[in-house]
Amino acid sequence: MRLNISSIMGRKGACLEVSKELPASFREAAGPIVCNLKVTNTGDGYLVTGVLSVEAELLCSRCLKPMQTTIETSIAEEFSIHPLEEEDPLWDDDLLVEGHEIDLTSLIEESVLVNIPMKPVCREDCPGLCPGCGTLLSEGTCECPDPNIDIRLAPLSKLLQQVSETTTPERRKDHGSSKEKTFKSKS
């Protein structure tokens, strides 16, 4: 997006507000990038501030179902009238005023792309997929063993189950404890 700034050139403090829709060039986009920008003449350059938003189609990182979300970000960058000294390692020559125009294309695309979530989720409590069989846990449970049990310790859990089935219950008050009878006989 190239923006003509001739109306605020030479007028320090003058502002230009722009609202536009731009076609998005990345594959996750489900619509145009909506830009609400303000360009301010700072005397030494032009400060571009604003909000960007775009509808995106992503895959949930837990259940792999497609989902739609809105990506919103804000920008604040200054475009210089004159290039700084070449010795400055932080200088980015993309942010220069070219005649009566500012090219915002790379700034807008980078700002939106950086804000795409790395691990999007369709909802906060999405249970995801079973790691054993791949069943969607939101649609029901599967017959896989508990994933929290380390597979290397599975034989020990079988042994523990066998031991609990073969042992007799402890002698307690409800199982005929001899101590209980002693207290009753003295009363």
N, C-alpha and C. Protein backbone atom coordinates (compact mmCIF):
# COMPACT_ATOMS: atom_id res chain seq x y z
N MET A 1 0.85 -1.16 0.00
CA MET A 1 0.00 0.00 0.00
C MET A 1 0.90 1.23 0.00
N ARG A 2 0.75 2.01 -1.02
CA ARG A 2 1.50 3.26 -1.12
C ARG A 2 0.56 4.39 -0.74
N LEU A 3 1.04 5.26 0.14
CA LEU A 3 0.22 6.33 0.69
C LEU A 3 0.77 7.68 0.26
N ASN A 4 -0.05 8.51 -0.37
CA ASN A 4 0.35 9.84 -0.81
C ASN A 4 0.25 10.79 0.39
N ILE A 5 1.39 11.41 0.77
CA ILE A 5 1.43 12.29 1.94
C ILE A 5 1.65 13.75 1.56
N SER A 6 1.42 14.10 0.29
CA SER A 6 1.69 15.48 -0.16
C SER A 6 0.86 16.51 0.60
N SER A 7 -0.32 16.13 1.13
CA SER A 7 -1.18 17.09 1.84
C SER A 7 -0.62 17.49 3.20
N ILE A 8 0.28 16.71 3.78
CA ILE A 8 0.85 17.06 5.10
C ILE A 8 2.35 17.37 5.03
N MET A 9 2.91 17.36 3.84
CA MET A 9 4.35 17.65 3.69
C MET A 9 4.61 19.12 4.00
N GLY A 10 5.70 19.39 4.73
CA GLY A 10 6.08 20.75 5.05
C GLY A 10 5.25 21.39 6.16
N ARG A 11 4.36 20.64 6.77
CA ARG A 11 3.51 21.16 7.85
C ARG A 11 3.71 20.31 9.09
N LYS A 12 4.65 20.69 9.93
CA LYS A 12 4.95 19.92 11.14
C LYS A 12 3.72 19.86 12.04
N GLY A 13 3.38 18.64 12.49
CA GLY A 13 2.21 18.42 13.35
C GLY A 13 0.95 18.08 12.58
N ALA A 14 0.95 18.21 11.26
CA ALA A 14 -0.23 17.89 10.45
C ALA A 14 -0.44 16.38 10.41
N CYS A 15 -1.72 15.97 10.37
CA CYS A 15 -2.07 14.54 10.39
C CYS A 15 -2.90 14.17 9.17
N LEU A 16 -2.82 12.90 8.82
CA LEU A 16 -3.60 12.33 7.73
C LEU A 16 -4.13 10.99 8.23
N GLU A 17 -5.45 10.81 8.20
CA GLU A 17 -6.06 9.55 8.64
C GLU A 17 -6.54 8.78 7.42
N VAL A 18 -6.26 7.47 7.44
CA VAL A 18 -6.58 6.61 6.30
C VAL A 18 -7.22 5.33 6.80
N SER A 19 -8.31 4.91 6.16
CA SER A 19 -8.94 3.61 6.42
C SER A 19 -9.05 2.90 5.08
N LYS A 20 -8.40 1.74 4.97
CA LYS A 20 -8.40 0.99 3.71
C LYS A 20 -8.44 -0.50 4.00
N GLU A 21 -8.86 -1.24 2.98
CA GLU A 21 -8.80 -2.70 3.00
C GLU A 21 -7.80 -3.13 1.94
N LEU A 22 -6.87 -3.98 2.35
CA LEU A 22 -5.85 -4.47 1.43
C LEU A 22 -5.99 -5.97 1.26
N PRO A 23 -5.73 -6.49 0.06
CA PRO A 23 -5.75 -7.94 -0.09
C PRO A 23 -4.60 -8.56 0.70
N ALA A 24 -4.88 -9.63 1.42
CA ALA A 24 -3.85 -10.32 2.20
C ALA A 24 -3.15 -11.33 1.31
N SER A 25 -1.83 -11.41 1.45
CA SER A 25 -1.05 -12.29 0.57
C SER A 25 -0.57 -13.57 1.26
N PHE A 26 -1.02 -13.84 2.49
CA PHE A 26 -0.59 -15.08 3.15
C PHE A 26 -1.75 -16.07 3.15
N ARG A 27 -1.44 -17.36 3.18
CA ARG A 27 -2.44 -18.40 2.94
C ARG A 27 -3.48 -18.53 4.04
N GLU A 28 -3.19 -18.11 5.26
CA GLU A 28 -4.14 -18.24 6.36
C GLU A 28 -5.25 -17.21 6.31
N ALA A 29 -5.08 -16.16 5.49
CA ALA A 29 -6.05 -15.06 5.45
C ALA A 29 -7.37 -15.52 4.84
N ALA A 30 -8.47 -15.12 5.49
CA ALA A 30 -9.80 -15.43 5.00
C ALA A 30 -10.52 -14.17 4.53
N GLY A 31 -9.79 -13.09 4.43
CA GLY A 31 -10.37 -11.83 4.01
C GLY A 31 -9.29 -10.78 3.87
N PRO A 32 -9.67 -9.55 3.61
CA PRO A 32 -8.68 -8.49 3.45
C PRO A 32 -8.15 -7.99 4.79
N ILE A 33 -7.00 -7.32 4.75
CA ILE A 33 -6.45 -6.67 5.94
C ILE A 33 -7.11 -5.30 6.04
N VAL A 34 -7.76 -5.05 7.17
CA VAL A 34 -8.42 -3.77 7.40
C VAL A 34 -7.43 -2.87 8.14
N CYS A 35 -7.12 -1.72 7.54
CA CYS A 35 -6.13 -0.80 8.10
C CYS A 35 -6.79 0.50 8.50
N ASN A 36 -6.61 0.91 9.73
CA ASN A 36 -7.03 2.22 10.22
C ASN A 36 -5.77 2.91 10.71
N LEU A 37 -5.23 3.82 9.88
CA LEU A 37 -3.92 4.41 10.14
C LEU A 37 -3.99 5.92 10.29
N LYS A 38 -3.00 6.45 10.99
CA LYS A 38 -2.84 7.90 11.14
C LYS A 38 -1.39 8.22 10.85
N VAL A 39 -1.14 9.15 9.93
CA VAL A 39 0.21 9.57 9.57
C VAL A 39 0.38 11.00 10.09
N THR A 40 1.43 11.22 10.91
CA THR A 40 1.69 12.52 11.50
C THR A 40 3.05 13.02 11.03
N ASN A 41 3.11 14.28 10.59
CA ASN A 41 4.36 14.91 10.18
C ASN A 41 5.09 15.33 11.46
N THR A 42 6.25 14.73 11.73
CA THR A 42 7.02 15.06 12.93
C THR A 42 8.10 16.10 12.68
N GLY A 43 8.25 16.55 11.49
CA GLY A 43 9.30 17.50 11.14
C GLY A 43 10.51 16.80 10.54
N ASP A 44 10.97 15.74 11.22
CA ASP A 44 12.11 14.94 10.72
C ASP A 44 11.65 13.75 9.90
N GLY A 45 10.37 13.45 9.94
CA GLY A 45 9.85 12.29 9.24
C GLY A 45 8.34 12.22 9.40
N TYR A 46 7.80 11.02 9.24
CA TYR A 46 6.37 10.80 9.32
C TYR A 46 6.11 9.59 10.21
N LEU A 47 5.36 9.80 11.29
CA LEU A 47 5.02 8.74 12.23
C LEU A 47 3.72 8.09 11.78
N VAL A 48 3.78 6.78 11.55
CA VAL A 48 2.61 6.02 11.13
C VAL A 48 2.17 5.17 12.32
N THR A 49 0.95 5.41 12.80
CA THR A 49 0.37 4.62 13.90
C THR A 49 -0.97 4.11 13.45
N GLY A 50 -1.44 3.04 14.07
CA GLY A 50 -2.76 2.54 13.72
C GLY A 50 -2.99 1.11 14.14
N VAL A 51 -4.15 0.61 13.71
CA VAL A 51 -4.60 -0.74 14.06
C VAL A 51 -4.86 -1.50 12.77
N LEU A 52 -4.43 -2.77 12.76
CA LEU A 52 -4.65 -3.66 11.62
C LEU A 52 -5.44 -4.87 12.10
N SER A 53 -6.34 -5.37 11.27
CA SER A 53 -7.05 -6.60 11.62
C SER A 53 -7.35 -7.38 10.34
N VAL A 54 -7.39 -8.70 10.51
CA VAL A 54 -7.68 -9.60 9.38
C VAL A 54 -8.31 -10.88 9.92
N GLU A 55 -9.28 -11.40 9.19
CA GLU A 55 -9.87 -12.69 9.53
C GLU A 55 -8.94 -13.78 8.99
N ALA A 56 -8.70 -14.79 9.82
CA ALA A 56 -7.78 -15.86 9.41
C ALA A 56 -8.39 -17.22 9.68
N GLU A 57 -8.09 -18.18 8.81
CA GLU A 57 -8.49 -19.57 9.00
C GLU A 57 -7.26 -20.35 9.44
N LEU A 58 -7.31 -20.87 10.66
CA LEU A 58 -6.19 -21.62 11.23
C LEU A 58 -6.66 -23.00 11.63
N LEU A 59 -5.72 -23.87 11.95
CA LEU A 59 -6.04 -25.19 12.49
C LEU A 59 -5.77 -25.19 13.98
N CYS A 60 -6.70 -25.72 14.75
CA CYS A 60 -6.51 -25.83 16.19
C CYS A 60 -5.30 -26.72 16.45
N SER A 61 -4.41 -26.29 17.31
CA SER A 61 -3.19 -27.06 17.57
C SER A 61 -3.45 -28.29 18.43
N ARG A 62 -4.64 -28.41 19.02
CA ARG A 62 -4.95 -29.58 19.85
C ARG A 62 -5.78 -30.62 19.11
N CYS A 63 -6.86 -30.19 18.42
CA CYS A 63 -7.75 -31.17 17.78
C CYS A 63 -7.64 -31.15 16.25
N LEU A 64 -6.87 -30.23 15.69
CA LEU A 64 -6.62 -30.10 14.25
C LEU A 64 -7.86 -29.76 13.43
N LYS A 65 -8.92 -29.25 14.06
CA LYS A 65 -10.10 -28.81 13.33
C LYS A 65 -9.87 -27.38 12.84
N PRO A 66 -10.41 -27.05 11.66
CA PRO A 66 -10.27 -25.67 11.17
C PRO A 66 -11.08 -24.71 12.06
N MET A 67 -10.55 -23.50 12.23
CA MET A 67 -11.22 -22.49 13.04
C MET A 67 -10.97 -21.12 12.44
N GLN A 68 -11.86 -20.20 12.71
CA GLN A 68 -11.68 -18.83 12.25
C GLN A 68 -11.43 -17.93 13.44
N THR A 69 -10.53 -16.99 13.27
CA THR A 69 -10.20 -16.05 14.32
C THR A 69 -9.84 -14.71 13.68
N THR A 70 -9.88 -13.67 14.49
CA THR A 70 -9.49 -12.34 14.02
C THR A 70 -8.12 -12.02 14.59
N ILE A 71 -7.20 -11.67 13.74
CA ILE A 71 -5.86 -11.27 14.18
C ILE A 71 -5.84 -9.75 14.19
N GLU A 72 -5.55 -9.18 15.34
CA GLU A 72 -5.48 -7.73 15.47
C GLU A 72 -4.11 -7.33 15.98
N THR A 73 -3.59 -6.23 15.46
CA THR A 73 -2.29 -5.73 15.91
C THR A 73 -2.26 -4.22 15.73
N SER A 74 -1.35 -3.60 16.45
CA SER A 74 -1.16 -2.16 16.27
C SER A 74 0.25 -1.90 15.76
N ILE A 75 0.42 -0.79 15.06
CA ILE A 75 1.74 -0.44 14.54
C ILE A 75 2.08 0.98 14.94
N ALA A 76 3.37 1.23 15.04
CA ALA A 76 3.90 2.58 15.30
C ALA A 76 5.32 2.60 14.75
N GLU A 77 5.50 3.21 13.60
CA GLU A 77 6.80 3.30 12.94
C GLU A 77 7.00 4.69 12.39
N GLU A 78 8.25 5.13 12.37
CA GLU A 78 8.55 6.45 11.81
C GLU A 78 9.33 6.28 10.52
N PHE A 79 8.85 6.96 9.48
CA PHE A 79 9.52 6.99 8.18
C PHE A 79 10.33 8.27 8.12
N SER A 80 11.60 8.15 7.77
CA SER A 80 12.50 9.29 7.75
C SER A 80 12.50 9.97 6.38
N ILE A 81 12.70 11.28 6.41
CA ILE A 81 12.79 12.04 5.16
C ILE A 81 14.17 11.83 4.52
N HIS A 82 15.21 11.86 5.35
CA HIS A 82 16.58 11.70 4.88
C HIS A 82 17.18 10.44 5.48
N PRO A 83 17.92 9.68 4.69
CA PRO A 83 18.57 8.50 5.26
C PRO A 83 19.60 8.91 6.30
N LEU A 84 19.68 8.09 7.35
CA LEU A 84 20.68 8.36 8.39
C LEU A 84 22.05 7.94 7.87
N GLU A 85 23.06 8.20 8.68
CA GLU A 85 24.42 7.80 8.29
C GLU A 85 24.48 6.30 8.06
N GLU A 86 25.25 5.92 7.07
CA GLU A 86 25.33 4.50 6.72
C GLU A 86 26.01 3.67 7.79
N GLU A 87 26.70 4.31 8.73
CA GLU A 87 27.39 3.56 9.77
C GLU A 87 26.44 3.02 10.83
N ASP A 88 25.19 3.49 10.84
CA ASP A 88 24.23 3.05 11.85
C ASP A 88 23.74 1.64 11.52
N PRO A 89 24.09 0.63 12.33
CA PRO A 89 23.70 -0.75 12.02
C PRO A 89 22.21 -1.02 12.21
N LEU A 90 21.50 -0.15 12.93
CA LEU A 90 20.09 -0.37 13.18
C LEU A 90 19.20 0.23 12.11
N TRP A 91 19.77 0.93 11.15
CA TRP A 91 18.97 1.61 10.15
C TRP A 91 18.39 0.63 9.14
N ASP A 92 17.11 0.76 8.88
CA ASP A 92 16.42 -0.07 7.90
C ASP A 92 15.99 0.84 6.75
N ASP A 93 16.59 0.68 5.57
CA ASP A 93 16.29 1.61 4.49
C ASP A 93 14.91 1.42 3.88
N ASP A 94 14.12 0.47 4.33
CA ASP A 94 12.75 0.33 3.84
C ASP A 94 11.85 1.45 4.36
N LEU A 95 12.24 2.11 5.44
CA LEU A 95 11.38 3.10 6.07
C LEU A 95 11.78 4.53 5.66
N LEU A 96 11.85 4.75 4.39
CA LEU A 96 12.17 6.07 3.85
C LEU A 96 10.99 6.61 3.06
N VAL A 97 10.85 7.93 3.09
CA VAL A 97 9.83 8.60 2.27
C VAL A 97 10.37 8.66 0.85
N GLU A 98 9.57 8.24 -0.11
CA GLU A 98 9.97 8.23 -1.52
C GLU A 98 9.17 9.29 -2.26
N GLY A 99 9.73 10.49 -2.39
CA GLY A 99 9.02 11.59 -3.06
C GLY A 99 7.87 12.07 -2.19
N HIS A 100 6.65 11.86 -2.67
CA HIS A 100 5.44 12.25 -1.95
C HIS A 100 4.69 11.04 -1.42
N GLU A 101 5.36 9.89 -1.35
CA GLU A 101 4.69 8.65 -0.95
C GLU A 101 5.46 7.88 0.11
N ILE A 102 4.71 7.10 0.86
CA ILE A 102 5.28 6.15 1.83
C ILE A 102 4.77 4.77 1.43
N ASP A 103 5.67 3.79 1.35
CA ASP A 103 5.27 2.42 1.03
C ASP A 103 5.10 1.65 2.33
N LEU A 104 3.86 1.30 2.67
CA LEU A 104 3.53 0.62 3.93
C LEU A 104 3.35 -0.89 3.76
N THR A 105 3.53 -1.41 2.56
CA THR A 105 3.24 -2.82 2.28
C THR A 105 3.99 -3.77 3.19
N SER A 106 5.32 -3.66 3.25
CA SER A 106 6.09 -4.60 4.06
C SER A 106 5.81 -4.42 5.55
N LEU A 107 5.61 -3.19 6.01
CA LEU A 107 5.30 -2.93 7.42
C LEU A 107 3.99 -3.60 7.82
N ILE A 108 2.96 -3.47 7.01
CA ILE A 108 1.66 -4.06 7.31
C ILE A 108 1.73 -5.58 7.30
N GLU A 109 2.33 -6.16 6.26
CA GLU A 109 2.42 -7.63 6.16
C GLU A 109 3.21 -8.22 7.32
N GLU A 110 4.35 -7.62 7.66
CA GLU A 110 5.17 -8.14 8.76
C GLU A 110 4.43 -8.05 10.09
N SER A 111 3.74 -6.94 10.32
CA SER A 111 3.01 -6.77 11.57
C SER A 111 1.92 -7.82 11.74
N VAL A 112 1.21 -8.14 10.66
CA VAL A 112 0.16 -9.15 10.74
C VAL A 112 0.75 -10.55 10.90
N LEU A 113 1.76 -10.87 10.10
CA LEU A 113 2.36 -12.21 10.16
C LEU A 113 2.98 -12.53 11.52
N VAL A 114 3.60 -11.55 12.14
CA VAL A 114 4.23 -11.77 13.45
C VAL A 114 3.17 -12.07 14.51
N ASN A 115 1.94 -11.61 14.32
CA ASN A 115 0.90 -11.79 15.32
C ASN A 115 0.00 -13.00 15.08
N ILE A 116 0.31 -13.85 14.09
CA ILE A 116 -0.43 -15.10 13.93
C ILE A 116 -0.01 -16.01 15.09
N PRO A 117 -0.97 -16.52 15.87
CA PRO A 117 -0.59 -17.36 17.01
C PRO A 117 0.13 -18.63 16.58
N MET A 118 1.15 -19.01 17.36
CA MET A 118 1.93 -20.21 17.04
C MET A 118 1.13 -21.48 17.32
N LYS A 119 0.36 -21.47 18.40
CA LYS A 119 -0.45 -22.64 18.77
C LYS A 119 -1.88 -22.19 19.04
N PRO A 120 -2.64 -21.94 17.97
CA PRO A 120 -4.03 -21.51 18.19
C PRO A 120 -4.89 -22.66 18.70
N VAL A 121 -5.87 -22.34 19.52
CA VAL A 121 -6.82 -23.33 20.02
C VAL A 121 -8.24 -22.86 19.72
N CYS A 122 -9.09 -23.81 19.37
CA CYS A 122 -10.48 -23.46 19.01
C CYS A 122 -11.25 -22.98 20.24
N ARG A 123 -10.94 -23.53 21.40
CA ARG A 123 -11.50 -23.06 22.67
C ARG A 123 -10.51 -23.44 23.77
N GLU A 124 -10.55 -22.72 24.86
CA GLU A 124 -9.56 -22.92 25.93
C GLU A 124 -9.58 -24.32 26.52
N ASP A 125 -10.76 -24.95 26.59
CA ASP A 125 -10.85 -26.28 27.19
C ASP A 125 -10.87 -27.40 26.15
N CYS A 126 -10.34 -27.15 24.97
CA CYS A 126 -10.29 -28.17 23.91
C CYS A 126 -9.43 -29.34 24.39
N PRO A 127 -10.00 -30.56 24.47
CA PRO A 127 -9.22 -31.71 24.97
C PRO A 127 -8.23 -32.27 23.95
N GLY A 128 -8.43 -31.98 22.67
CA GLY A 128 -7.49 -32.42 21.64
C GLY A 128 -7.75 -33.84 21.16
N LEU A 129 -6.67 -34.50 20.75
CA LEU A 129 -6.72 -35.85 20.21
C LEU A 129 -6.09 -36.83 21.19
N CYS A 130 -6.54 -38.09 21.15
CA CYS A 130 -5.90 -39.14 21.94
C CYS A 130 -4.52 -39.39 21.34
N PRO A 131 -3.46 -39.38 22.15
CA PRO A 131 -2.13 -39.60 21.60
C PRO A 131 -1.92 -41.02 21.10
N GLY A 132 -2.76 -41.96 21.53
CA GLY A 132 -2.60 -43.35 21.12
C GLY A 132 -3.29 -43.67 19.81
N CYS A 133 -4.60 -43.32 19.71
CA CYS A 133 -5.37 -43.72 18.53
C CYS A 133 -5.83 -42.55 17.67
N GLY A 134 -5.72 -41.32 18.15
CA GLY A 134 -6.09 -40.16 17.37
C GLY A 134 -7.57 -39.80 17.42
N THR A 135 -8.33 -40.39 18.33
CA THR A 135 -9.74 -40.08 18.47
C THR A 135 -9.92 -38.65 18.99
N LEU A 136 -10.91 -37.93 18.46
CA LEU A 136 -11.24 -36.60 18.97
C LEU A 136 -11.85 -36.77 20.36
N LEU A 137 -11.16 -36.29 21.37
CA LEU A 137 -11.64 -36.46 22.75
C LEU A 137 -12.84 -35.59 23.06
N SER A 138 -13.13 -34.60 22.23
CA SER A 138 -14.33 -33.78 22.44
C SER A 138 -15.59 -34.52 22.01
N GLU A 139 -15.44 -35.56 21.18
CA GLU A 139 -16.58 -36.34 20.71
C GLU A 139 -16.81 -37.60 21.52
N GLY A 140 -15.91 -37.93 22.41
CA GLY A 140 -16.06 -39.13 23.24
C GLY A 140 -14.72 -39.64 23.70
N THR A 141 -14.77 -40.72 24.48
CA THR A 141 -13.53 -41.30 24.99
C THR A 141 -13.16 -42.51 24.15
N CYS A 142 -11.94 -42.95 24.32
CA CYS A 142 -11.46 -44.13 23.60
C CYS A 142 -11.06 -45.20 24.62
N GLU A 143 -10.66 -46.35 24.13
CA GLU A 143 -10.29 -47.48 25.00
C GLU A 143 -8.79 -47.56 25.25
N CYS A 144 -8.07 -46.52 24.89
CA CYS A 144 -6.62 -46.51 25.09
C CYS A 144 -6.29 -46.39 26.57
N PRO A 145 -5.15 -46.94 26.99
CA PRO A 145 -4.74 -46.78 28.38
C PRO A 145 -4.48 -45.30 28.69
N ASP A 146 -4.50 -44.99 29.98
CA ASP A 146 -4.30 -43.62 30.42
C ASP A 146 -2.95 -43.11 29.90
N PRO A 147 -2.93 -41.99 29.15
CA PRO A 147 -1.68 -41.49 28.59
C PRO A 147 -0.73 -40.95 29.67
N ASN A 148 -1.24 -40.74 30.88
CA ASN A 148 -0.38 -40.23 31.94
C ASN A 148 0.50 -41.32 32.56
N ILE A 149 0.21 -42.57 32.23
CA ILE A 149 1.02 -43.67 32.74
C ILE A 149 2.18 -43.91 31.78
N ASP A 150 3.37 -43.93 32.32
CA ASP A 150 4.55 -44.19 31.52
C ASP A 150 4.50 -45.64 31.05
N ILE A 151 4.62 -45.86 29.75
CA ILE A 151 4.51 -47.21 29.19
C ILE A 151 5.56 -48.16 29.74
N ARG A 152 6.69 -47.60 30.17
CA ARG A 152 7.74 -48.45 30.74
C ARG A 152 7.35 -48.99 32.11
N LEU A 153 6.38 -48.33 32.77
CA LEU A 153 5.94 -48.78 34.09
C LEU A 153 4.63 -49.57 34.03
N ALA A 154 4.10 -49.83 32.86
CA ALA A 154 2.84 -50.55 32.70
C ALA A 154 2.86 -51.95 33.34
N PRO A 155 3.95 -52.74 33.21
CA PRO A 155 3.96 -54.05 33.87
C PRO A 155 3.84 -53.93 35.40
N LEU A 156 4.36 -52.87 35.97
CA LEU A 156 4.23 -52.69 37.42
C LEU A 156 2.80 -52.38 37.82
N SER A 157 2.05 -51.67 36.99
CA SER A 157 0.65 -51.40 37.32
C SER A 157 -0.17 -52.68 37.27
N LYS A 158 0.16 -53.61 36.35
CA LYS A 158 -0.52 -54.90 36.30
C LYS A 158 -0.21 -55.70 37.56
N LEU A 159 1.03 -55.66 38.00
CA LEU A 159 1.43 -56.37 39.21
C LEU A 159 0.70 -55.80 40.43
N LEU A 160 0.59 -54.51 40.51
CA LEU A 160 -0.12 -53.86 41.61
C LEU A 160 -1.59 -54.26 41.61
N GLN A 161 -2.19 -54.38 40.44
CA GLN A 161 -3.59 -54.78 40.34
C GLN A 161 -3.76 -56.23 40.81
N GLN A 162 -2.84 -57.13 40.43
CA GLN A 162 -2.92 -58.53 40.86
C GLN A 162 -2.78 -58.64 42.38
N VAL A 163 -1.88 -57.90 42.96
CA VAL A 163 -1.66 -57.94 44.41
C VAL A 163 -2.90 -57.45 45.15
N SER A 164 -3.54 -56.41 44.68
CA SER A 164 -4.73 -55.87 45.35
C SER A 164 -5.91 -56.83 45.26
N GLU A 165 -5.98 -57.67 44.23
CA GLU A 165 -7.06 -58.65 44.09
C GLU A 165 -6.87 -59.86 45.00
N THR A 166 -5.65 -60.24 45.31
CA THR A 166 -5.40 -61.45 46.09
C THR A 166 -5.25 -61.20 47.59
N THR A 167 -5.07 -60.00 48.05
CA THR A 167 -4.88 -59.76 49.48
C THR A 167 -6.23 -59.65 50.18
N THR A 168 -6.26 -60.02 51.46
CA THR A 168 -7.48 -59.94 52.26
C THR A 168 -7.54 -58.59 52.94
N PRO A 169 -8.74 -58.12 53.26
CA PRO A 169 -8.85 -56.83 53.91
C PRO A 169 -8.27 -56.87 55.32
N GLU A 170 -7.83 -55.74 55.81
CA GLU A 170 -7.27 -55.65 57.16
C GLU A 170 -8.35 -55.89 58.19
N ARG A 171 -7.94 -56.33 59.37
CA ARG A 171 -8.90 -56.50 60.46
C ARG A 171 -9.07 -55.15 61.12
N ARG A 172 -10.25 -54.63 61.00
CA ARG A 172 -10.57 -53.36 61.61
C ARG A 172 -11.81 -53.54 62.46
N LYS A 173 -12.31 -52.41 62.96
CA LYS A 173 -13.48 -52.43 63.81
C LYS A 173 -14.66 -53.10 63.12
N ASP A 174 -14.85 -52.84 61.83
CA ASP A 174 -15.99 -53.42 61.12
C ASP A 174 -15.72 -54.85 60.64
N HIS A 175 -14.49 -55.34 60.83
CA HIS A 175 -14.16 -56.71 60.43
C HIS A 175 -13.88 -57.59 61.65
N GLY A 176 -14.43 -57.27 62.78
CA GLY A 176 -14.29 -58.13 63.96
C GLY A 176 -13.00 -57.95 64.70
N SER A 177 -12.61 -56.78 64.98
CA SER A 177 -11.38 -56.52 65.71
C SER A 177 -11.52 -57.03 67.14
N SER A 178 -10.48 -57.66 67.67
CA SER A 178 -10.51 -58.19 69.04
C SER A 178 -10.52 -57.06 70.06
N LYS A 179 -9.99 -55.91 69.69
CA LYS A 179 -9.94 -54.78 70.59
C LYS A 179 -11.35 -54.27 70.88
N GLU A 180 -12.20 -54.32 69.86
CA GLU A 180 -13.58 -53.86 70.02
C GLU A 180 -14.33 -54.70 71.04
N LYS A 181 -14.12 -56.02 70.97
CA LYS A 181 -14.79 -56.93 71.91
C LYS A 181 -14.32 -56.66 73.33
N THR A 182 -13.08 -56.35 73.52
CA THR A 182 -12.54 -56.09 74.85
C THR A 182 -13.23 -54.88 75.47
N PHE A 183 -13.41 -53.84 74.67
CA PHE A 183 -14.07 -52.65 75.20
C PHE A 183 -15.52 -52.93 75.55
N LYS A 184 -16.20 -53.75 74.78
CA LYS A 184 -17.59 -54.05 75.03
C LYS A 184 -17.76 -54.91 76.27
N SER A 185 -16.85 -55.82 76.52
CA SER A 185 -16.96 -56.73 77.66
C SER A 185 -16.76 -56.00 78.99
N LYS A 186 -15.97 -54.92 78.99
CA LYS A 186 -15.73 -54.19 80.22
C LYS A 186 -16.89 -53.27 80.53
N SER A 187 -17.74 -52.94 79.62
CA SER A 187 -18.83 -52.02 79.88
C SER A 187 -19.98 -52.64 80.57
